[in-house]
Amino acid sequence: MLKSPLAFLLAMSALASPAMAATVDARATGAIEQSIKQSTPDLIALYRDLHANPELSLAETRTAARLAQEMRKLGLEVTEKVGGTGVVAVLRNGEGPVVLIRADMDALPMKELSQSPFASTREAPYQGKTTFVAHSCGHDLHMAWWVGTAKAMLAMRDQWRGTMLFVAQPGEESGQGARKMVEDGLFTRFPKPDYGFAAHVGNDAVGRIVVKQGAFTSNSDTIRITFKGKGGHGSMPSRTIDPIVMGARFVMDVQTVVSRQKDPFEFGVVTVGSFQAGTAANIIPDTASLALTLRSFSPEVREQLVEGVKRTALSVATMSQAPEPVIDHSRGAASVINDDDLAAKTAAALRTAGWDDIALIAASAPGGSASEDYSELVSASGMRSVYLGVGGYLPSVIADYAKRGEPLPTNHSPYFLPDAESAIPTAIRSLSVAALSVLANPK
């Protein structure tokens, strides 16, 4: 679900002050590098298999089985079907903190146009129709580096103590998966985490890691509105109540909630992404249905946007002397808030490990406009957590797009195809060092 490029965070941000470095010595980094070297061929094969065989939200049965198989081969305690198709793998290594590492499993209802030799051609039922399915958000990489991080932590288990909880989550794109896992006892059936780490690939340069203090993603809300009119002949509109006119008026008027009611210094977005009505040019339909996505950072702005949308819809119906519209509000994911101190400690640990392209972004800088239901895991467990941004494009690819004057494909573009051979090792290093920084240095 994370759509905002990492470059946005960098362009809009201030760098935070560095923190005291947690100790990550050469022996640990050497073990991580050796594990990456040994496992990369298998991880690339896993990535390509997952990429070619994507599954939609809450239907990730093949994907989950494959991940469970990989973790069992490593000797971890694996439980399947948590919250539907979720997978939990536990690595116990003595007394110490509990650290959660999370990956998301689901793909998107869209056609891939990347021309990759392992591009997806899969189709699946979606909302009563058949759709193409593609891993155009990067979750296939997330799963591969999730397995790779488990391998790296096993390779240096003599250097840390504690428990690692590897969570493969379904339904991130639908915003339901994290909640379903929590409701199915994720933090009562399994060790409750003290710390949590996750990462998302974006269209920044490979090797770049963004560590953001404070808000990393936005609140998300979905609102569906059905305007009720009175249908009739297109030549006799005076004998009807035209729901298309109501919908059109609403599309324009609702933007004043953002431009005239919200504080201009506060982040907020209202987008109408779907407008469906009518069947023929000469028929005025009975109803018009619209679907909106709302994004915000603060709880106050979130409520202001929701109430503004509802108020505008009711007012539009009143102006047309129409019945009240049906308003269905699905409260989505809350903002992912990174722990300030842990973010600084993580960035410092990454730098001492020898990876210099680390951007620590201050909490005062805005987060990204995308959303993530990883926040459900953070709030339900109370764990201190950091969500990382991982660059996915080779510099040569970035330069080529710039030369052609074309924008880089972002997450959810049908052309989005990060360089797996570079991004997967980068994320393994980052997540392994982040986990080691609290398992070997828990204070």
Protein backbone atom coordinates (compact mmCIF):
# COMPACT_ATOMS: atom_id res chain seq x y z
CA MET A 1 0.00 0.00 0.00
CA LEU A 2 3.02 2.28 0.35
CA LYS A 3 2.90 4.52 -2.73
CA SER A 4 5.01 7.54 -1.81
CA PRO A 5 8.57 7.52 -3.23
CA LEU A 6 11.36 7.59 -0.66
CA ALA A 7 12.71 10.59 -2.52
CA PHE A 8 9.64 12.55 -1.37
CA LEU A 9 10.65 12.09 2.26
CA LEU A 10 14.16 13.27 1.50
CA ALA A 11 13.06 16.27 -0.54
CA MET A 12 10.55 17.43 2.06
CA SER A 13 12.57 16.70 5.18
CA ALA A 14 15.16 17.90 7.60
CA LEU A 15 17.93 15.59 8.71
CA ALA A 16 17.79 14.59 12.36
CA SER A 17 20.72 14.81 14.70
CA PRO A 18 22.83 11.64 14.90
CA ALA A 19 22.62 9.39 17.94
CA MET A 20 25.21 7.46 19.87
CA ALA A 21 26.00 4.37 17.84
CA ALA A 22 25.02 0.93 18.98
CA THR A 23 27.91 -1.50 18.67
CA VAL A 24 27.80 -3.66 15.54
CA ASP A 25 31.24 -5.16 15.12
CA ALA A 26 33.05 -6.59 12.11
CA ARG A 27 32.29 -10.16 13.18
CA ALA A 28 28.55 -9.48 12.98
CA THR A 29 28.70 -7.65 9.66
CA GLY A 30 30.95 -10.39 8.30
CA ALA A 31 28.41 -13.05 9.29
CA ILE A 32 25.61 -11.07 7.65
CA GLU A 33 27.57 -10.64 4.43
CA GLN A 34 28.49 -14.31 4.30
CA SER A 35 24.86 -15.31 4.84
CA ILE A 36 23.76 -12.94 2.07
CA LYS A 37 26.38 -14.32 -0.31
CA GLN A 38 25.30 -17.90 0.33
CA SER A 39 21.55 -17.28 0.26
CA THR A 40 21.16 -14.71 -2.54
CA PRO A 41 20.70 -17.24 -5.40
CA ASP A 42 17.92 -19.02 -3.50
CA LEU A 43 16.34 -15.73 -2.45
CA ILE A 44 16.29 -14.43 -6.02
CA ALA A 45 14.67 -17.69 -7.12
CA LEU A 46 12.08 -17.27 -4.34
CA TYR A 47 11.45 -13.66 -5.34
CA ARG A 48 10.91 -14.55 -8.99
CA ASP A 49 8.56 -17.39 -8.09
CA LEU A 50 6.50 -15.08 -5.86
CA HIS A 51 6.57 -12.33 -8.49
CA ALA A 52 5.24 -14.68 -11.18
CA ASN A 53 2.56 -16.14 -8.91
CA PRO A 54 0.94 -13.22 -7.04
CA GLU A 55 -2.20 -13.56 -4.97
CA LEU A 56 -4.72 -10.95 -3.86
CA SER A 57 -5.44 -9.79 -0.31
CA LEU A 58 -6.60 -12.53 2.09
CA ALA A 59 -6.23 -15.17 -0.65
CA GLU A 60 -2.46 -15.72 -0.31
CA THR A 61 -2.68 -19.50 0.15
CA ARG A 62 0.13 -20.55 -2.21
CA THR A 63 2.31 -17.66 -1.05
CA ALA A 64 1.82 -18.49 2.62
CA ALA A 65 2.57 -22.17 2.07
CA ARG A 66 5.79 -21.29 0.26
CA LEU A 67 6.95 -18.98 3.05
CA ALA A 68 6.06 -21.52 5.73
CA GLN A 69 8.10 -24.11 3.84
CA GLU A 70 11.12 -21.80 3.68
CA MET A 71 11.01 -21.06 7.41
CA ARG A 72 10.57 -24.70 8.35
CA LYS A 73 13.67 -25.55 6.34
CA LEU A 74 15.56 -23.16 8.62
CA GLY A 75 14.29 -24.95 11.71
CA LEU A 76 11.97 -22.22 12.99
CA GLU A 77 8.68 -22.93 14.81
CA VAL A 78 6.08 -22.20 12.12
CA THR A 79 2.34 -21.64 12.52
CA GLU A 80 0.13 -21.14 9.47
CA LYS A 81 -3.37 -19.70 8.97
CA VAL A 82 -3.01 -16.96 11.59
CA GLY A 83 -5.70 -14.41 10.79
CA GLY A 84 -6.62 -16.38 7.66
CA THR A 85 -3.46 -16.86 5.62
CA GLY A 86 -0.86 -15.28 7.91
CA VAL A 87 2.35 -17.09 8.83
CA VAL A 88 4.26 -16.77 12.10
CA ALA A 89 7.76 -18.22 12.52
CA VAL A 90 9.51 -18.09 15.90
CA LEU A 91 13.27 -18.19 16.42
CA ARG A 92 14.19 -18.68 20.07
CA ASN A 93 17.73 -17.97 21.23
CA GLY A 94 17.74 -17.72 25.01
CA GLU A 95 16.60 -15.00 27.38
CA GLY A 96 16.30 -11.51 26.01
CA PRO A 97 14.02 -9.09 24.17
CA VAL A 98 11.44 -10.18 21.63
CA VAL A 99 11.87 -8.61 18.17
CA LEU A 100 9.23 -8.73 15.42
CA ILE A 101 10.17 -8.68 11.73
CA ARG A 102 7.20 -8.23 9.41
CA ALA A 103 6.64 -8.71 5.68
CA ASP A 104 3.43 -8.32 3.67
CA MET A 105 2.29 -10.97 1.20
CA ASP A 106 -0.52 -9.70 -1.01
CA ALA A 107 -0.47 -8.37 -4.57
CA LEU A 108 -2.57 -5.87 -6.52
CA PRO A 109 -5.56 -6.24 -8.90
CA MET A 110 -3.74 -4.89 -11.96
CA LYS A 111 -1.86 -5.98 -15.07
CA GLU A 112 1.93 -5.98 -15.07
CA LEU A 113 3.56 -4.19 -18.04
CA SER A 114 7.20 -4.42 -16.98
CA GLN A 115 8.26 -6.82 -19.78
CA SER A 116 10.17 -8.85 -17.20
CA PRO A 117 10.89 -12.47 -18.21
CA PHE A 118 9.16 -13.54 -14.98
CA ALA A 119 6.28 -11.07 -15.23
CA SER A 120 2.94 -12.12 -13.81
CA THR A 121 0.19 -13.29 -16.13
CA ARG A 122 -2.01 -14.49 -13.28
CA GLU A 123 -5.71 -13.68 -13.10
CA ALA A 124 -8.09 -13.96 -10.18
CA PRO A 125 -11.65 -13.04 -9.21
CA TYR A 126 -11.97 -9.58 -7.70
CA GLN A 127 -15.19 -7.79 -6.74
CA GLY A 128 -17.29 -10.00 -8.99
CA LYS A 129 -15.00 -9.76 -12.00
CA THR A 130 -11.78 -11.36 -13.23
CA THR A 131 -8.67 -9.23 -12.97
CA PHE A 132 -4.97 -9.54 -13.64
CA VAL A 133 -2.81 -9.74 -10.51
CA ALA A 134 0.67 -8.26 -10.06
CA HIS A 135 3.24 -7.61 -7.35
CA SER A 136 3.55 -3.97 -8.39
CA CYS A 137 4.02 -2.71 -4.84
CA GLY A 138 7.14 -4.69 -3.98
CA HIS A 139 5.79 -7.20 -1.49
CA ASP A 140 7.55 -9.99 -3.38
CA LEU A 141 10.90 -8.40 -2.43
CA HIS A 142 9.68 -7.93 1.14
CA MET A 143 9.01 -11.64 1.50
CA ALA A 144 12.36 -12.62 0.01
CA TRP A 145 14.32 -10.36 2.34
CA TRP A 146 12.16 -11.53 5.28
CA VAL A 147 13.43 -15.07 4.69
CA GLY A 148 16.94 -13.73 4.12
CA THR A 149 16.88 -11.84 7.42
CA ALA A 150 15.96 -15.05 9.25
CA LYS A 151 18.95 -16.75 7.62
CA ALA A 152 21.28 -13.92 8.60
CA MET A 153 20.11 -13.91 12.22
CA LEU A 154 20.62 -17.67 12.40
CA ALA A 155 24.13 -17.24 11.02
CA MET A 156 25.11 -14.99 13.94
CA ARG A 157 22.97 -16.41 16.72
CA ASP A 158 26.05 -16.67 18.94
CA GLN A 159 26.12 -12.86 19.04
CA TRP A 160 22.64 -12.15 20.39
CA ARG A 161 20.07 -13.42 22.87
CA GLY A 162 16.32 -13.22 22.75
CA THR A 163 13.41 -14.26 20.52
CA MET A 164 12.58 -13.25 16.97
CA LEU A 165 9.00 -13.26 15.74
CA PHE A 166 8.84 -13.37 11.93
CA VAL A 167 5.35 -12.34 10.77
CA ALA A 168 4.20 -12.74 7.16
CA GLN A 169 1.03 -10.69 7.00
CA PRO A 170 -1.85 -11.05 4.54
CA GLY A 171 -4.17 -8.33 3.31
CA GLU A 172 -2.00 -5.23 3.61
CA GLU A 173 -3.45 -3.71 0.44
CA SER A 174 -6.99 -4.18 1.73
CA GLY A 175 -6.02 -2.80 5.14
CA GLN A 176 -7.51 -5.83 6.92
CA GLY A 177 -4.68 -8.31 7.37
CA ALA A 178 -2.87 -6.92 10.40
CA ARG A 179 -6.12 -6.53 12.31
CA LYS A 180 -7.15 -10.09 11.46
CA MET A 181 -3.86 -11.47 12.78
CA VAL A 182 -4.20 -9.49 16.00
CA GLU A 183 -7.78 -10.70 16.46
CA ASP A 184 -6.56 -14.27 15.94
CA GLY A 185 -4.18 -13.99 18.88
CA LEU A 186 -0.93 -12.83 17.30
CA PHE A 187 0.19 -11.26 20.57
CA THR A 188 -1.38 -13.81 22.93
CA ARG A 189 -0.55 -17.10 21.18
CA PHE A 190 3.01 -16.01 20.42
CA PRO A 191 5.68 -14.03 22.30
CA LYS A 192 4.71 -10.37 22.59
CA PRO A 193 7.35 -8.18 20.93
CA ASP A 194 9.32 -5.45 22.65
CA TYR A 195 10.62 -4.13 19.34
CA GLY A 196 9.44 -4.29 15.74
CA PHE A 197 11.03 -3.63 12.36
CA ALA A 198 9.68 -3.63 8.82
CA ALA A 199 10.79 -2.17 5.50
CA HIS A 200 9.29 -1.12 2.17
CA VAL A 201 10.94 -0.81 -1.22
CA GLY A 202 10.48 2.37 -3.24
CA ASN A 203 11.85 4.09 -6.30
CA ASP A 204 14.86 5.70 -4.67
CA ALA A 205 18.39 4.55 -5.59
CA VAL A 206 19.54 1.13 -4.40
CA GLY A 207 21.66 1.29 -1.29
CA ARG A 208 19.70 4.20 0.13
CA ILE A 209 17.97 3.59 3.48
CA VAL A 210 15.52 6.13 4.89
CA VAL A 211 15.08 6.04 8.68
CA LYS A 212 12.27 8.44 9.63
CA GLN A 213 11.54 9.59 13.14
CA GLY A 214 7.86 10.14 13.96
CA ALA A 215 5.20 9.80 11.25
CA PHE A 216 6.34 7.64 8.32
CA THR A 217 2.96 7.11 6.63
CA SER A 218 -0.47 8.72 6.75
CA ASN A 219 -3.87 7.83 8.17
CA SER A 220 -6.13 6.23 5.57
CA ASP A 221 -9.90 6.24 5.23
CA THR A 222 -12.18 4.96 2.48
CA ILE A 223 -15.65 6.41 1.99
CA ARG A 224 -18.22 5.12 -0.51
CA ILE A 225 -21.18 7.36 -1.29
CA THR A 226 -24.30 6.40 -3.23
CA PHE A 227 -26.47 9.30 -4.33
CA LYS A 228 -30.14 8.38 -4.78
CA GLY A 229 -31.99 10.05 -7.62
CA LYS A 230 -35.06 9.35 -9.73
CA GLY A 231 -34.33 7.97 -13.15
CA GLY A 232 -35.99 8.80 -16.41
CA HIS A 233 -35.56 9.79 -20.04
CA GLY A 234 -32.52 11.88 -20.89
CA SER A 235 -34.70 14.28 -22.88
CA MET A 236 -36.90 15.03 -19.83
CA PRO A 237 -34.53 15.85 -16.96
CA SER A 238 -37.13 18.00 -15.18
CA ARG A 239 -39.07 14.84 -14.40
CA THR A 240 -36.08 13.22 -12.74
CA ILE A 241 -33.61 13.79 -9.91
CA ASP A 242 -30.28 13.37 -11.65
CA PRO A 243 -27.72 11.56 -9.44
CA ILE A 244 -24.94 12.20 -11.96
CA VAL A 245 -25.34 15.93 -11.45
CA MET A 246 -25.25 15.37 -7.69
CA GLY A 247 -22.09 13.32 -8.02
CA ALA A 248 -20.43 15.89 -10.27
CA ARG A 249 -21.28 18.72 -7.88
CA PHE A 250 -19.95 16.67 -4.97
CA VAL A 251 -16.63 15.99 -6.73
CA MET A 252 -16.01 19.72 -7.06
CA ASP A 253 -17.44 20.88 -3.74
CA VAL A 254 -15.68 18.28 -1.59
CA GLN A 255 -12.28 19.75 -2.48
CA THR A 256 -13.19 22.87 -0.50
CA VAL A 257 -12.89 20.72 2.63
CA VAL A 258 -9.17 20.63 1.88
CA SER A 259 -8.69 24.06 0.28
CA ARG A 260 -10.98 26.15 2.50
CA GLN A 261 -11.64 24.28 5.75
CA LYS A 262 -8.39 22.49 6.61
CA ASP A 263 -5.41 24.40 8.00
CA PRO A 264 -3.07 24.85 4.99
CA PHE A 265 -0.09 23.91 7.18
CA GLU A 266 -1.62 20.52 7.99
CA PHE A 267 -1.44 17.57 5.57
CA GLY A 268 -4.71 16.27 4.15
CA VAL A 269 -5.87 14.73 0.86
CA VAL A 270 -9.37 13.91 -0.44
CA THR A 271 -9.40 11.99 -3.72
CA VAL A 272 -12.42 10.67 -5.62
CA GLY A 273 -11.04 7.57 -7.31
CA SER A 274 -14.23 6.04 -8.69
CA PHE A 275 -17.45 7.51 -10.15
CA GLN A 276 -19.91 4.96 -11.52
CA ALA A 277 -23.38 5.74 -12.89
CA GLY A 278 -25.65 5.06 -15.83
CA THR A 279 -25.74 2.71 -18.80
CA ALA A 280 -26.76 4.78 -21.85
CA ALA A 281 -26.60 8.38 -23.10
CA ASN A 282 -30.38 8.84 -23.11
CA ILE A 283 -31.13 7.35 -19.69
CA ILE A 284 -30.84 9.26 -16.41
CA PRO A 285 -30.04 6.58 -13.80
CA ASP A 286 -31.47 6.13 -10.33
CA THR A 287 -28.14 6.15 -8.51
CA ALA A 288 -24.53 7.29 -8.75
CA SER A 289 -21.77 5.71 -6.67
CA LEU A 290 -18.47 7.32 -5.75
CA ALA A 291 -15.47 5.96 -3.86
CA LEU A 292 -13.00 8.22 -2.06
CA THR A 293 -9.69 7.84 -0.29
CA LEU A 294 -8.73 10.26 2.50
CA ARG A 295 -5.18 10.73 3.81
CA SER A 296 -3.94 12.70 6.84
CA PHE A 297 -1.37 12.67 9.61
CA SER A 298 -3.07 14.04 12.72
CA PRO A 299 -6.23 12.59 14.32
CA GLU A 300 -7.80 16.05 14.29
CA VAL A 301 -7.39 16.52 10.53
CA ARG A 302 -8.54 12.95 9.96
CA GLU A 303 -11.85 13.65 11.68
CA GLN A 304 -12.18 17.02 9.92
CA LEU A 305 -11.84 15.40 6.50
CA VAL A 306 -14.28 12.58 7.27
CA GLU A 307 -16.92 14.91 8.66
CA GLY A 308 -16.40 17.37 5.81
CA VAL A 309 -16.96 14.68 3.19
CA LYS A 310 -20.11 13.46 4.89
CA ARG A 311 -21.46 16.99 5.34
CA THR A 312 -20.81 17.84 1.70
CA ALA A 313 -22.59 14.71 0.47
CA LEU A 314 -25.66 15.43 2.60
CA SER A 315 -25.73 19.06 1.45
CA VAL A 316 -25.53 18.10 -2.23
CA ALA A 317 -28.49 15.74 -1.82
CA THR A 318 -30.49 18.43 -0.02
CA MET A 319 -29.81 20.94 -2.81
CA SER A 320 -31.22 18.45 -5.32
CA GLN A 321 -34.23 17.61 -3.15
CA ALA A 322 -33.04 14.01 -3.18
CA PRO A 323 -33.15 11.37 -0.44
CA GLU A 324 -30.17 11.13 1.89
CA PRO A 325 -27.24 9.39 0.24
CA VAL A 326 -25.88 6.13 1.57
CA ILE A 327 -22.48 6.83 3.15
CA ASP A 328 -20.25 3.87 4.00
CA HIS A 329 -17.10 4.82 5.91
CA SER A 330 -14.40 2.17 6.22
CA ARG A 331 -11.84 3.41 8.70
CA GLY A 332 -8.48 2.33 7.32
CA ALA A 333 -4.98 2.22 8.67
CA ALA A 334 -3.64 4.70 11.17
CA SER A 335 -0.36 6.50 10.57
CA VAL A 336 2.81 4.46 11.14
CA ILE A 337 4.69 6.32 13.87
CA ASN A 338 8.35 5.42 14.32
CA ASP A 339 9.91 5.62 17.77
CA ASP A 340 12.24 8.63 17.72
CA ASP A 341 14.97 7.19 19.93
CA LEU A 342 14.89 3.77 18.30
CA ALA A 343 15.03 5.35 14.85
CA ALA A 344 18.14 7.31 15.81
CA LYS A 345 19.72 4.22 17.34
CA THR A 346 18.92 2.17 14.24
CA ALA A 347 20.43 4.74 11.89
CA ALA A 348 23.54 4.95 14.04
CA ALA A 349 23.91 1.17 14.06
CA LEU A 350 23.58 1.03 10.28
CA ARG A 351 26.29 3.66 9.90
CA THR A 352 28.70 1.91 12.22
CA ALA A 353 28.11 -1.30 10.28
CA GLY A 354 29.68 0.40 7.27
CA TRP A 355 26.67 1.43 5.18
CA ASP A 356 26.97 5.17 4.65
CA ASP A 357 23.92 5.96 2.50
CA ILE A 358 21.65 6.29 5.50
CA ALA A 359 19.23 9.21 5.81
CA LEU A 360 17.87 9.86 9.31
CA ILE A 361 14.86 12.15 8.91
CA ALA A 362 13.64 14.27 11.81
CA ALA A 363 10.16 13.89 13.30
CA SER A 364 9.47 17.54 12.43
CA ALA A 365 9.59 16.67 8.71
CA PRO A 366 6.40 15.40 7.04
CA GLY A 367 5.93 11.71 6.44
CA GLY A 368 4.76 10.09 3.23
CA SER A 369 1.19 10.35 1.98
CA ALA A 370 0.83 6.58 1.57
CA SER A 371 -0.65 4.31 4.23
CA GLU A 372 0.25 1.03 5.91
CA ASP A 373 -1.66 -1.25 8.28
CA TYR A 374 1.59 -2.21 10.04
CA SER A 375 0.41 0.47 12.47
CA GLU A 376 -2.17 -2.03 13.73
CA LEU A 377 0.64 -4.32 14.94
CA VAL A 378 2.41 -1.43 16.65
CA SER A 379 -0.65 -0.18 18.51
CA ALA A 380 -1.88 -3.66 19.49
CA SER A 381 1.46 -4.75 20.95
CA GLY A 382 2.79 -1.47 22.32
CA MET A 383 6.20 -2.33 20.86
CA ARG A 384 8.80 0.28 20.01
CA SER A 385 9.11 0.17 16.26
CA VAL A 386 10.88 1.50 13.19
CA TYR A 387 9.63 1.18 9.61
CA LEU A 388 12.42 1.65 7.03
CA GLY A 389 12.43 2.82 3.43
CA VAL A 390 14.63 0.88 0.99
CA GLY A 391 15.74 2.17 -2.42
CA GLY A 392 15.09 -0.15 -5.34
CA TYR A 393 16.41 1.37 -8.58
CA LEU A 394 19.90 1.13 -10.07
CA PRO A 395 21.56 4.51 -10.74
CA SER A 396 21.84 3.58 -14.43
CA VAL A 397 18.06 3.08 -14.65
CA ILE A 398 17.41 6.37 -12.84
CA ALA A 399 19.78 8.16 -15.23
CA ASP A 400 18.13 6.57 -18.26
CA TYR A 401 14.66 7.77 -17.22
CA ALA A 402 16.05 11.23 -16.50
CA LYS A 403 17.72 11.37 -19.92
CA ARG A 404 14.41 10.51 -21.56
CA GLY A 405 12.59 13.08 -19.44
CA GLU A 406 10.29 10.43 -17.98
CA PRO A 407 9.43 9.90 -14.31
CA LEU A 408 10.57 6.74 -12.58
CA PRO A 409 7.78 4.18 -12.11
CA THR A 410 6.53 4.32 -8.56
CA ASN A 411 4.92 1.64 -6.43
CA HIS A 412 1.59 0.56 -7.96
CA SER A 413 2.73 1.47 -11.46
CA PRO A 414 2.36 -1.45 -13.92
CA TYR A 415 6.00 -0.78 -14.84
CA PHE A 416 7.35 -0.89 -11.27
CA LEU A 417 10.22 -3.39 -11.17
CA PRO A 418 12.99 -2.72 -8.60
CA ASP A 419 16.40 -4.37 -8.91
CA ALA A 420 15.96 -7.39 -6.66
CA GLU A 421 19.62 -8.43 -6.77
CA SER A 422 20.55 -5.12 -5.07
CA ALA A 423 17.50 -4.27 -2.96
CA ILE A 424 17.16 -7.64 -1.22
CA PRO A 425 20.72 -7.68 0.21
CA THR A 426 20.39 -4.04 1.29
CA ALA A 427 17.20 -4.75 3.24
CA ILE A 428 18.67 -7.91 4.83
CA ARG A 429 21.65 -5.91 6.08
CA SER A 430 19.40 -3.18 7.43
CA LEU A 431 16.86 -5.40 9.18
CA SER A 432 19.55 -7.69 10.60
CA VAL A 433 21.59 -4.82 12.00
CA ALA A 434 18.43 -3.16 13.34
CA ALA A 435 17.46 -6.36 15.16
CA LEU A 436 21.01 -6.94 16.39
CA SER A 437 21.19 -3.40 17.77
CA VAL A 438 18.46 -4.19 20.31
CA LEU A 439 19.13 -7.91 20.84
CA ALA A 440 22.84 -7.39 21.55
CA ASN A 441 22.35 -3.91 23.07
CA PRO A 442 18.90 -4.00 24.65
CA LYS A 443 19.17 -0.83 26.74
